[in-house]
Amino acid sequence: MPTRRQSLPAARSPWPTSSLSAVRFELVELQAEDTHPLRRAVLRTGTPSDDVVFDGDELDTTFHLGMRAADGALVAISTWLQRPYPDRPGDPAFQLRGMATVEALRGEGLGASMLAAGIERCRAAGAVLVWARARDAALPFYARHGFTAIGLGYVDLTTALSHHDVIREIA
């Protein structure tokens, strides 16, 4: 599948930014295997599992988005699986998985830009909600972007980290 590209200026962050804000980033569509190095580096370091292949990665209804820096480096990723939220099986939905940004660029708006693009694509596909199993450390990010934490927290066995389910209505 050819990579689709959309040039995006670096998003504005509510926090002071470094000289990195002058760098341009590009939103790109990826193949599942393109996400593996960043999944491993950001999401699996220090966890019990080093597995970076997700169930559903290769489905026709799954898409993967990333942000590339001007030098071509992949600096942020996300995976979007067409999958109902377990507590709302009748609602068309997408699950966001494996969202990651390199540590040096967190807070620069890359995740927000990628999230907005993914949500628009889910909406266009007929989804009425997006959900994720979010690390508790990422809950403030999701709250800033309209997600609500649902239910009790739990420890994910793959990462051994505290998580909550989060959902966002998009219809």
N, C-alpha and C. Protein backbone atom coordinates (compact mmCIF):
# COMPACT_ATOMS: atom_id res chain seq x y z
N MET A 1 0.85 -1.17 0.00
CA MET A 1 0.00 0.00 0.00
C MET A 1 0.90 1.23 0.00
N PRO A 2 0.66 2.19 -0.90
CA PRO A 2 1.49 3.39 -0.91
C PRO A 2 1.23 4.22 0.34
N THR A 3 2.25 4.92 0.75
CA THR A 3 2.14 5.79 1.91
C THR A 3 1.45 7.09 1.51
N ARG A 4 0.41 7.45 2.25
CA ARG A 4 -0.25 8.74 2.02
C ARG A 4 0.37 9.76 2.95
N ARG A 5 0.64 10.93 2.43
CA ARG A 5 1.32 11.95 3.23
C ARG A 5 0.51 13.23 3.26
N GLN A 6 0.54 13.88 4.41
CA GLN A 6 -0.09 15.17 4.57
C GLN A 6 0.89 16.01 5.36
N SER A 7 1.34 17.09 4.79
CA SER A 7 2.31 17.94 5.47
C SER A 7 1.61 18.73 6.56
N LEU A 8 2.17 18.70 7.76
CA LEU A 8 1.61 19.42 8.89
C LEU A 8 2.69 20.26 9.53
N PRO A 9 2.40 21.51 9.86
CA PRO A 9 3.38 22.26 10.64
C PRO A 9 3.40 21.68 12.05
N ALA A 10 4.47 21.90 12.75
CA ALA A 10 4.53 21.46 14.13
C ALA A 10 3.37 22.11 14.88
N ALA A 11 2.63 21.31 15.61
CA ALA A 11 1.48 21.83 16.34
C ALA A 11 1.94 22.67 17.51
N ARG A 12 1.13 23.64 17.88
CA ARG A 12 1.44 24.50 19.03
C ARG A 12 1.17 23.74 20.32
N SER A 13 2.07 23.83 21.24
CA SER A 13 1.92 23.20 22.53
C SER A 13 1.56 24.26 23.56
N PRO A 14 0.78 23.92 24.59
CA PRO A 14 0.48 24.89 25.62
C PRO A 14 1.68 25.18 26.52
N TRP A 15 2.77 24.41 26.37
CA TRP A 15 3.96 24.60 27.17
C TRP A 15 5.05 25.26 26.33
N PRO A 16 6.00 25.90 26.98
CA PRO A 16 7.11 26.47 26.21
C PRO A 16 7.79 25.39 25.38
N THR A 17 8.15 25.74 24.17
CA THR A 17 8.76 24.74 23.28
C THR A 17 10.21 25.10 23.01
N SER A 18 10.93 24.11 22.60
CA SER A 18 12.34 24.30 22.26
C SER A 18 12.45 24.67 20.79
N SER A 19 13.66 24.64 20.29
CA SER A 19 13.87 24.93 18.87
C SER A 19 13.25 23.85 17.99
N LEU A 20 12.79 22.74 18.58
CA LEU A 20 12.16 21.68 17.82
C LEU A 20 10.87 22.15 17.16
N SER A 21 10.25 23.20 17.69
CA SER A 21 8.98 23.65 17.13
C SER A 21 9.15 24.21 15.72
N ALA A 22 10.38 24.51 15.33
CA ALA A 22 10.61 25.01 13.97
C ALA A 22 10.67 23.88 12.95
N VAL A 23 10.79 22.65 13.43
CA VAL A 23 10.87 21.49 12.54
C VAL A 23 9.48 21.19 11.99
N ARG A 24 9.42 20.81 10.71
CA ARG A 24 8.14 20.40 10.12
C ARG A 24 8.01 18.89 10.22
N PHE A 25 6.78 18.48 10.44
CA PHE A 25 6.47 17.05 10.54
C PHE A 25 5.44 16.71 9.50
N GLU A 26 5.42 15.45 9.13
CA GLU A 26 4.53 14.98 8.09
C GLU A 26 3.71 13.82 8.65
N LEU A 27 2.38 13.89 8.50
CA LEU A 27 1.50 12.80 8.87
C LEU A 27 1.56 11.77 7.75
N VAL A 28 1.83 10.51 8.10
CA VAL A 28 1.96 9.46 7.09
C VAL A 28 1.15 8.23 7.51
N GLU A 29 0.69 7.50 6.51
CA GLU A 29 0.07 6.20 6.77
C GLU A 29 1.17 5.17 6.68
N LEU A 30 1.12 4.21 7.60
CA LEU A 30 2.18 3.22 7.73
C LEU A 30 1.64 1.81 7.56
N GLN A 31 2.54 0.87 7.38
CA GLN A 31 2.24 -0.54 7.48
C GLN A 31 2.52 -0.95 8.93
N ALA A 32 1.92 -2.03 9.37
CA ALA A 32 2.10 -2.47 10.76
C ALA A 32 3.57 -2.60 11.13
N GLU A 33 4.36 -3.21 10.26
CA GLU A 33 5.77 -3.45 10.59
C GLU A 33 6.56 -2.14 10.73
N ASP A 34 6.09 -1.06 10.11
CA ASP A 34 6.76 0.23 10.26
C ASP A 34 6.69 0.73 11.70
N THR A 35 5.65 0.31 12.44
CA THR A 35 5.45 0.78 13.81
C THR A 35 6.29 0.01 14.82
N HIS A 36 6.79 -1.15 14.44
CA HIS A 36 7.43 -2.04 15.40
C HIS A 36 8.65 -1.44 16.12
N PRO A 37 9.58 -0.78 15.44
CA PRO A 37 10.73 -0.24 16.18
C PRO A 37 10.32 0.78 17.25
N LEU A 38 9.39 1.67 16.93
CA LEU A 38 8.98 2.67 17.92
C LEU A 38 8.12 2.04 19.02
N ARG A 39 7.28 1.07 18.66
CA ARG A 39 6.52 0.34 19.70
C ARG A 39 7.50 -0.28 20.69
N ARG A 40 8.54 -0.91 20.16
CA ARG A 40 9.51 -1.59 21.03
C ARG A 40 10.26 -0.56 21.90
N ALA A 41 10.72 0.51 21.30
CA ALA A 41 11.53 1.50 22.02
C ALA A 41 10.73 2.28 23.06
N VAL A 42 9.50 2.63 22.75
CA VAL A 42 8.73 3.48 23.65
C VAL A 42 7.79 2.68 24.54
N LEU A 43 7.13 1.68 23.99
CA LEU A 43 6.08 0.98 24.73
C LEU A 43 6.52 -0.30 25.42
N ARG A 44 7.66 -0.85 25.06
CA ARG A 44 8.06 -2.13 25.64
C ARG A 44 9.34 -2.08 26.46
N THR A 45 10.02 -0.95 26.50
CA THR A 45 11.21 -0.84 27.32
C THR A 45 10.82 -0.96 28.80
N GLY A 46 11.47 -1.89 29.49
CA GLY A 46 11.22 -2.07 30.92
C GLY A 46 9.93 -2.79 31.25
N THR A 47 9.30 -3.43 30.28
CA THR A 47 8.06 -4.17 30.53
C THR A 47 8.34 -5.67 30.43
N PRO A 48 7.44 -6.49 30.97
CA PRO A 48 7.65 -7.94 30.91
C PRO A 48 7.62 -8.51 29.49
N SER A 49 6.99 -7.82 28.57
CA SER A 49 6.86 -8.34 27.20
C SER A 49 7.60 -7.45 26.22
N ASP A 50 8.17 -8.06 25.21
CA ASP A 50 8.75 -7.28 24.12
C ASP A 50 7.96 -7.48 22.83
N ASP A 51 6.77 -8.07 22.94
CA ASP A 51 5.92 -8.33 21.78
C ASP A 51 5.38 -7.01 21.23
N VAL A 52 5.60 -6.77 19.95
CA VAL A 52 5.15 -5.53 19.32
C VAL A 52 4.14 -5.78 18.20
N VAL A 53 3.74 -7.03 18.03
CA VAL A 53 2.72 -7.37 17.02
C VAL A 53 1.39 -7.46 17.74
N PHE A 54 0.42 -6.65 17.29
CA PHE A 54 -0.90 -6.61 17.91
C PHE A 54 -1.87 -7.46 17.12
N ASP A 55 -2.77 -8.13 17.84
CA ASP A 55 -3.87 -8.85 17.21
C ASP A 55 -4.68 -7.83 16.40
N GLY A 56 -4.86 -8.09 15.13
CA GLY A 56 -5.62 -7.19 14.27
C GLY A 56 -4.79 -6.22 13.46
N ASP A 57 -3.48 -6.20 13.67
CA ASP A 57 -2.60 -5.29 12.93
C ASP A 57 -2.78 -5.36 11.42
N GLU A 58 -3.00 -6.56 10.90
CA GLU A 58 -3.02 -6.76 9.45
C GLU A 58 -4.42 -6.79 8.83
N LEU A 59 -5.45 -6.51 9.63
CA LEU A 59 -6.80 -6.51 9.08
C LEU A 59 -6.98 -5.36 8.09
N ASP A 60 -7.81 -5.56 7.08
CA ASP A 60 -8.07 -4.51 6.09
C ASP A 60 -8.68 -3.26 6.71
N THR A 61 -9.38 -3.42 7.82
CA THR A 61 -10.04 -2.29 8.47
C THR A 61 -9.13 -1.55 9.45
N THR A 62 -7.94 -2.07 9.69
CA THR A 62 -6.98 -1.44 10.60
C THR A 62 -6.12 -0.46 9.82
N PHE A 63 -5.83 0.69 10.44
CA PHE A 63 -4.88 1.61 9.82
C PHE A 63 -3.87 2.08 10.86
N HIS A 64 -2.71 2.48 10.36
CA HIS A 64 -1.59 2.90 11.20
C HIS A 64 -1.16 4.28 10.73
N LEU A 65 -1.06 5.21 11.65
CA LEU A 65 -0.61 6.56 11.33
C LEU A 65 0.70 6.85 12.04
N GLY A 66 1.49 7.72 11.44
CA GLY A 66 2.74 8.13 12.05
C GLY A 66 3.06 9.57 11.71
N MET A 67 4.03 10.09 12.41
CA MET A 67 4.56 11.42 12.13
C MET A 67 6.04 11.26 11.83
N ARG A 68 6.45 11.83 10.69
CA ARG A 68 7.86 11.80 10.30
C ARG A 68 8.44 13.20 10.41
N ALA A 69 9.66 13.26 10.90
CA ALA A 69 10.40 14.52 10.94
C ALA A 69 10.94 14.81 9.55
N ALA A 70 11.42 16.01 9.36
CA ALA A 70 11.95 16.43 8.06
C ALA A 70 13.09 15.52 7.58
N ASP A 71 13.83 14.94 8.52
CA ASP A 71 14.93 14.05 8.13
C ASP A 71 14.46 12.62 7.83
N GLY A 72 13.14 12.39 7.87
CA GLY A 72 12.57 11.08 7.56
C GLY A 72 12.38 10.17 8.76
N ALA A 73 12.87 10.56 9.92
CA ALA A 73 12.74 9.72 11.11
C ALA A 73 11.28 9.62 11.54
N LEU A 74 10.84 8.43 11.85
CA LEU A 74 9.50 8.21 12.38
C LEU A 74 9.55 8.54 13.86
N VAL A 75 8.76 9.55 14.29
CA VAL A 75 8.86 10.05 15.65
C VAL A 75 7.59 9.84 16.48
N ALA A 76 6.50 9.42 15.84
CA ALA A 76 5.26 9.12 16.57
C ALA A 76 4.46 8.12 15.75
N ILE A 77 3.69 7.27 16.46
CA ILE A 77 2.90 6.24 15.79
C ILE A 77 1.57 6.04 16.51
N SER A 78 0.62 5.47 15.78
CA SER A 78 -0.65 5.05 16.38
C SER A 78 -1.27 3.98 15.49
N THR A 79 -2.03 3.09 16.10
CA THR A 79 -2.73 2.03 15.39
C THR A 79 -4.21 2.12 15.73
N TRP A 80 -5.06 1.97 14.71
CA TRP A 80 -6.51 2.13 14.84
C TRP A 80 -7.19 0.88 14.32
N LEU A 81 -7.82 0.12 15.24
CA LEU A 81 -8.47 -1.14 14.89
C LEU A 81 -9.99 -0.97 14.96
N GLN A 82 -10.67 -1.36 13.89
CA GLN A 82 -12.13 -1.31 13.91
C GLN A 82 -12.59 -2.43 14.84
N ARG A 83 -13.05 -2.03 16.04
CA ARG A 83 -13.38 -3.00 17.07
C ARG A 83 -14.33 -2.34 18.06
N PRO A 84 -15.47 -2.98 18.36
CA PRO A 84 -16.40 -2.36 19.32
C PRO A 84 -15.82 -2.34 20.73
N TYR A 85 -16.24 -1.35 21.50
CA TYR A 85 -15.88 -1.31 22.91
C TYR A 85 -16.65 -2.44 23.59
N PRO A 86 -16.01 -3.27 24.42
CA PRO A 86 -16.69 -4.44 24.99
C PRO A 86 -18.02 -4.13 25.70
N ASP A 87 -18.13 -3.00 26.36
CA ASP A 87 -19.37 -2.66 27.07
C ASP A 87 -20.43 -2.04 26.16
N ARG A 88 -20.09 -1.80 24.89
CA ARG A 88 -21.03 -1.22 23.94
C ARG A 88 -20.90 -1.92 22.59
N PRO A 89 -21.19 -3.21 22.57
CA PRO A 89 -20.93 -4.01 21.36
C PRO A 89 -21.72 -3.59 20.14
N GLY A 90 -22.82 -2.88 20.31
CA GLY A 90 -23.63 -2.47 19.16
C GLY A 90 -23.20 -1.17 18.53
N ASP A 91 -22.26 -0.46 19.15
CA ASP A 91 -21.81 0.84 18.62
C ASP A 91 -20.59 0.68 17.73
N PRO A 92 -20.65 1.15 16.48
CA PRO A 92 -19.45 1.10 15.63
C PRO A 92 -18.32 1.90 16.28
N ALA A 93 -17.16 1.28 16.39
CA ALA A 93 -16.07 1.92 17.13
C ALA A 93 -14.72 1.50 16.59
N PHE A 94 -13.71 2.26 16.96
CA PHE A 94 -12.32 1.92 16.71
C PHE A 94 -11.58 1.94 18.03
N GLN A 95 -10.65 1.00 18.18
CA GLN A 95 -9.76 0.98 19.32
C GLN A 95 -8.43 1.59 18.90
N LEU A 96 -7.97 2.56 19.65
CA LEU A 96 -6.65 3.16 19.46
C LEU A 96 -5.66 2.35 20.28
N ARG A 97 -4.60 1.88 19.62
CA ARG A 97 -3.58 1.10 20.32
C ARG A 97 -2.20 1.60 19.93
N GLY A 98 -1.26 1.37 20.80
CA GLY A 98 0.14 1.59 20.46
C GLY A 98 0.49 3.02 20.12
N MET A 99 -0.16 3.98 20.75
CA MET A 99 0.18 5.38 20.48
C MET A 99 1.47 5.70 21.22
N ALA A 100 2.44 6.22 20.49
CA ALA A 100 3.75 6.48 21.09
C ALA A 100 4.43 7.62 20.35
N THR A 101 5.13 8.45 21.12
CA THR A 101 5.94 9.54 20.59
C THR A 101 7.31 9.46 21.24
N VAL A 102 8.36 9.69 20.47
CA VAL A 102 9.70 9.67 21.07
C VAL A 102 9.75 10.70 22.19
N GLU A 103 10.45 10.36 23.24
CA GLU A 103 10.43 11.17 24.45
C GLU A 103 10.85 12.63 24.20
N ALA A 104 11.83 12.86 23.37
CA ALA A 104 12.33 14.22 23.13
C ALA A 104 11.30 15.13 22.48
N LEU A 105 10.27 14.56 21.86
CA LEU A 105 9.26 15.38 21.17
C LEU A 105 7.90 15.39 21.84
N ARG A 106 7.78 14.78 23.00
CA ARG A 106 6.50 14.82 23.71
C ARG A 106 6.18 16.25 24.11
N GLY A 107 4.91 16.61 24.00
CA GLY A 107 4.50 17.96 24.33
C GLY A 107 4.60 18.93 23.16
N GLU A 108 5.03 18.44 22.00
CA GLU A 108 5.16 19.29 20.81
C GLU A 108 3.90 19.28 19.94
N GLY A 109 2.89 18.50 20.32
CA GLY A 109 1.64 18.47 19.56
C GLY A 109 1.55 17.38 18.52
N LEU A 110 2.55 16.53 18.42
CA LEU A 110 2.53 15.47 17.41
C LEU A 110 1.43 14.45 17.70
N GLY A 111 1.32 14.03 18.95
CA GLY A 111 0.28 13.09 19.33
C GLY A 111 -1.11 13.68 19.10
N ALA A 112 -1.28 14.95 19.43
CA ALA A 112 -2.57 15.61 19.22
C ALA A 112 -2.93 15.67 17.75
N SER A 113 -1.97 15.97 16.89
CA SER A 113 -2.23 16.03 15.44
C SER A 113 -2.59 14.65 14.90
N MET A 114 -1.85 13.64 15.34
CA MET A 114 -2.11 12.28 14.89
C MET A 114 -3.47 11.80 15.41
N LEU A 115 -3.79 12.13 16.65
CA LEU A 115 -5.07 11.76 17.24
C LEU A 115 -6.23 12.39 16.47
N ALA A 116 -6.12 13.67 16.16
CA ALA A 116 -7.18 14.35 15.41
C ALA A 116 -7.39 13.71 14.04
N ALA A 117 -6.31 13.40 13.35
CA ALA A 117 -6.41 12.77 12.02
C ALA A 117 -7.04 11.39 12.12
N GLY A 118 -6.65 10.61 13.12
CA GLY A 118 -7.21 9.28 13.29
C GLY A 118 -8.69 9.32 13.63
N ILE A 119 -9.08 10.24 14.50
CA ILE A 119 -10.50 10.36 14.87
C ILE A 119 -11.32 10.75 13.65
N GLU A 120 -10.83 11.65 12.83
CA GLU A 120 -11.58 12.04 11.62
C GLU A 120 -11.75 10.85 10.68
N ARG A 121 -10.71 10.05 10.56
CA ARG A 121 -10.81 8.87 9.70
C ARG A 121 -11.81 7.86 10.26
N CYS A 122 -11.83 7.68 11.57
CA CYS A 122 -12.80 6.78 12.22
C CYS A 122 -14.22 7.29 12.01
N ARG A 123 -14.40 8.58 12.17
CA ARG A 123 -15.73 9.19 11.95
C ARG A 123 -16.18 8.96 10.51
N ALA A 124 -15.29 9.15 9.56
CA ALA A 124 -15.63 8.96 8.15
C ALA A 124 -15.98 7.50 7.85
N ALA A 125 -15.44 6.58 8.64
CA ALA A 125 -15.73 5.15 8.47
C ALA A 125 -17.02 4.75 9.18
N GLY A 126 -17.70 5.71 9.82
CA GLY A 126 -18.97 5.42 10.45
C GLY A 126 -18.91 5.12 11.93
N ALA A 127 -17.76 5.27 12.56
CA ALA A 127 -17.65 5.00 13.99
C ALA A 127 -18.34 6.10 14.79
N VAL A 128 -18.87 5.73 15.95
CA VAL A 128 -19.49 6.70 16.85
C VAL A 128 -18.66 6.91 18.10
N LEU A 129 -17.64 6.05 18.29
CA LEU A 129 -16.74 6.27 19.42
C LEU A 129 -15.38 5.67 19.13
N VAL A 130 -14.39 6.22 19.84
CA VAL A 130 -13.02 5.70 19.83
C VAL A 130 -12.70 5.35 21.27
N TRP A 131 -12.00 4.25 21.46
CA TRP A 131 -11.65 3.84 22.82
C TRP A 131 -10.21 3.34 22.84
N ALA A 132 -9.66 3.30 24.04
CA ALA A 132 -8.29 2.82 24.22
C ALA A 132 -8.14 2.25 25.62
N ARG A 133 -7.14 1.45 25.78
CA ARG A 133 -6.71 0.99 27.10
C ARG A 133 -5.47 1.81 27.41
N ALA A 134 -5.67 2.90 28.12
CA ALA A 134 -4.62 3.91 28.30
C ALA A 134 -3.82 3.69 29.57
N ARG A 135 -2.53 3.86 29.43
CA ARG A 135 -1.67 3.87 30.62
C ARG A 135 -2.11 5.04 31.50
N ASP A 136 -2.12 4.83 32.81
CA ASP A 136 -2.53 5.90 33.71
C ASP A 136 -1.67 7.16 33.53
N ALA A 137 -0.40 6.98 33.19
CA ALA A 137 0.48 8.14 32.97
C ALA A 137 0.00 8.99 31.79
N ALA A 138 -0.77 8.40 30.86
CA ALA A 138 -1.25 9.13 29.68
C ALA A 138 -2.67 9.67 29.86
N LEU A 139 -3.31 9.43 31.00
CA LEU A 139 -4.69 9.88 31.20
C LEU A 139 -4.86 11.39 31.03
N PRO A 140 -3.94 12.22 31.51
CA PRO A 140 -4.11 13.67 31.29
C PRO A 140 -4.14 14.03 29.79
N PHE A 141 -3.32 13.38 28.99
CA PHE A 141 -3.33 13.62 27.54
C PHE A 141 -4.70 13.30 26.96
N TYR A 142 -5.21 12.12 27.29
CA TYR A 142 -6.51 11.72 26.74
C TYR A 142 -7.62 12.64 27.24
N ALA A 143 -7.58 13.04 28.50
CA ALA A 143 -8.60 13.95 29.04
C ALA A 143 -8.59 15.28 28.28
N ARG A 144 -7.40 15.80 27.96
CA ARG A 144 -7.30 17.06 27.21
C ARG A 144 -7.92 16.94 25.82
N HIS A 145 -8.05 15.73 25.33
CA HIS A 145 -8.56 15.51 23.98
C HIS A 145 -9.94 14.87 23.97
N GLY A 146 -10.68 15.07 25.06
CA GLY A 146 -12.09 14.70 25.09
C GLY A 146 -12.41 13.28 25.47
N PHE A 147 -11.45 12.52 25.92
CA PHE A 147 -11.70 11.14 26.35
C PHE A 147 -12.10 11.14 27.82
N THR A 148 -12.90 10.15 28.19
CA THR A 148 -13.33 9.95 29.56
C THR A 148 -12.86 8.59 30.04
N ALA A 149 -12.29 8.55 31.24
CA ALA A 149 -11.89 7.27 31.83
C ALA A 149 -13.15 6.54 32.28
N ILE A 150 -13.18 5.24 32.00
CA ILE A 150 -14.35 4.41 32.30
C ILE A 150 -13.95 3.30 33.28
N GLY A 151 -14.75 3.12 34.31
CA GLY A 151 -14.57 1.98 35.22
C GLY A 151 -13.34 2.08 36.09
N LEU A 152 -13.04 0.95 36.70
CA LEU A 152 -11.91 0.85 37.60
C LEU A 152 -10.61 0.66 36.83
N GLY A 153 -9.54 1.09 37.42
CA GLY A 153 -8.23 0.86 36.82
C GLY A 153 -7.82 -0.59 36.98
N TYR A 154 -6.80 -0.98 36.24
CA TYR A 154 -6.30 -2.35 36.28
C TYR A 154 -4.84 -2.33 35.86
N VAL A 155 -4.14 -3.40 36.16
CA VAL A 155 -2.76 -3.55 35.73
C VAL A 155 -2.76 -4.43 34.49
N ASP A 156 -2.22 -3.90 33.41
CA ASP A 156 -2.10 -4.65 32.16
C ASP A 156 -0.95 -5.64 32.31
N LEU A 157 -1.21 -6.90 32.04
CA LEU A 157 -0.20 -7.93 32.24
C LEU A 157 0.96 -7.84 31.25
N THR A 158 0.72 -7.28 30.06
CA THR A 158 1.79 -7.16 29.07
C THR A 158 2.84 -6.15 29.51
N THR A 159 2.38 -5.06 30.13
CA THR A 159 3.30 -3.99 30.51
C THR A 159 3.58 -3.93 32.00
N ALA A 160 2.71 -4.53 32.82
CA ALA A 160 2.76 -4.45 34.29
C ALA A 160 2.55 -3.01 34.77
N LEU A 161 1.83 -2.21 33.96
CA LEU A 161 1.55 -0.82 34.31
C LEU A 161 0.06 -0.62 34.52
N SER A 162 -0.29 0.36 35.35
CA SER A 162 -1.69 0.69 35.61
C SER A 162 -2.32 1.33 34.38
N HIS A 163 -3.55 0.90 34.09
CA HIS A 163 -4.31 1.36 32.92
C HIS A 163 -5.75 1.67 33.32
N HIS A 164 -6.41 2.44 32.50
CA HIS A 164 -7.86 2.65 32.51
C HIS A 164 -8.35 2.58 31.08
N ASP A 165 -9.56 2.11 30.89
CA ASP A 165 -10.20 2.27 29.58
C ASP A 165 -10.63 3.71 29.44
N VAL A 166 -10.46 4.27 28.25
CA VAL A 166 -10.93 5.62 27.95
C VAL A 166 -11.76 5.57 26.68
N ILE A 167 -12.80 6.38 26.63
CA ILE A 167 -13.63 6.46 25.42
C ILE A 167 -13.88 7.91 25.05
N ARG A 168 -14.14 8.11 23.78
CA ARG A 168 -14.53 9.44 23.29
C ARG A 168 -15.62 9.24 22.25
N GLU A 169 -16.75 9.88 22.48
CA GLU A 169 -17.84 9.89 21.51
C GLU A 169 -17.40 10.77 20.34
N ILE A 170 -17.63 10.30 19.10
CA ILE A 170 -17.20 11.09 17.94
C ILE A 170 -18.31 11.33 16.94
N ALA A 171 -19.52 10.83 17.24
CA ALA A 171 -20.62 11.02 16.28
C ALA A 171 -21.18 12.42 16.39
